[in-house]
Amino acid sequence: MLTKSGKNLDELIKKAIDDHVIKNSEYEEIIELAHADGVIDAHERVLLQELNDLIADRTVKRIAG
């Protein structure tokens, strides 16, 4: 089941992937959203891992801002 926070997280991460860029403030927003309900569910974990993998291999570039 996809939670509301999971859906919002999904949208923010997909935007970063589509843009190939994520600002530090957007990354922090994603992390805060993931922790907002006190539980990181399996879907959220997968999304966060995908984003971090894309940042690590530089498919998505993390920039100041």
Protein backbone atom coordinates (compact mmCIF):
# COMPACT_ATOMS: atom_id res chain seq x y z
CA MET A 1 0.00 0.00 0.00
CA LEU A 2 1.33 3.39 -0.99
CA THR A 3 1.07 5.96 1.80
CA LYS A 4 0.47 9.67 1.24
CA SER A 5 4.03 10.46 2.32
CA GLY A 6 5.26 7.69 0.02
CA LYS A 7 3.37 9.21 -2.91
CA ASN A 8 4.78 12.69 -2.17
CA LEU A 9 8.26 11.21 -1.82
CA ASP A 10 7.80 9.39 -5.13
CA GLU A 11 6.88 12.65 -6.87
CA LEU A 12 9.86 14.58 -5.46
CA ILE A 13 12.32 11.83 -6.36
CA LYS A 14 10.92 11.42 -9.88
CA LYS A 15 11.30 15.18 -10.41
CA ALA A 16 14.97 14.98 -9.37
CA ILE A 17 15.53 12.01 -11.68
CA ASP A 18 13.83 13.76 -14.61
CA ASP A 19 15.86 16.95 -13.98
CA HIS A 20 19.12 14.97 -13.45
CA VAL A 21 19.83 17.47 -10.67
CA ILE A 22 18.82 17.84 -7.04
CA LYS A 23 19.49 20.82 -4.82
CA ASN A 24 20.72 20.16 -1.30
CA SER A 25 17.52 21.78 0.03
CA GLU A 26 15.40 19.40 -2.08
CA TYR A 27 17.39 16.42 -0.83
CA GLU A 28 16.85 17.53 2.77
CA GLU A 29 13.12 17.96 2.05
CA ILE A 30 13.00 14.39 0.75
CA ILE A 31 14.74 13.06 3.86
CA GLU A 32 12.42 15.04 6.16
CA LEU A 33 9.37 13.79 4.27
CA ALA A 34 10.55 10.20 4.54
CA HIS A 35 10.89 10.56 8.31
CA ALA A 36 7.75 12.71 8.84
CA ASP A 37 5.45 9.87 9.86
CA GLY A 38 8.11 8.16 11.97
CA VAL A 39 8.26 5.11 9.70
CA ILE A 40 10.19 4.51 6.50
CA ASP A 41 8.15 1.83 4.77
CA ALA A 42 9.47 -0.59 2.15
CA HIS A 43 8.38 1.59 -0.80
CA GLU A 44 10.02 4.68 0.69
CA ARG A 45 13.20 2.69 1.37
CA VAL A 46 13.36 1.57 -2.26
CA LEU A 47 12.84 5.13 -3.51
CA LEU A 48 15.53 6.54 -1.22
CA GLN A 49 17.97 3.81 -2.23
CA GLU A 50 17.30 4.46 -5.92
CA LEU A 51 17.90 8.19 -5.46
CA ASN A 52 21.09 7.62 -3.49
CA ASP A 53 22.35 5.14 -6.11
CA LEU A 54 21.70 7.69 -8.88
CA ILE A 55 23.53 10.37 -6.90
CA ALA A 56 26.43 8.01 -6.25
CA ASP A 57 26.85 7.14 -9.95
CA ARG A 58 26.32 10.81 -10.88
CA THR A 59 23.21 10.21 -12.96
CA VAL A 60 21.60 12.78 -10.66
CA LYS A 61 23.92 15.58 -9.64
CA ARG A 62 23.55 17.07 -6.16
CA ILE A 63 24.10 20.83 -6.21
CA ALA A 64 24.11 23.72 -3.75
CA GLY A 65 20.88 25.49 -3.12
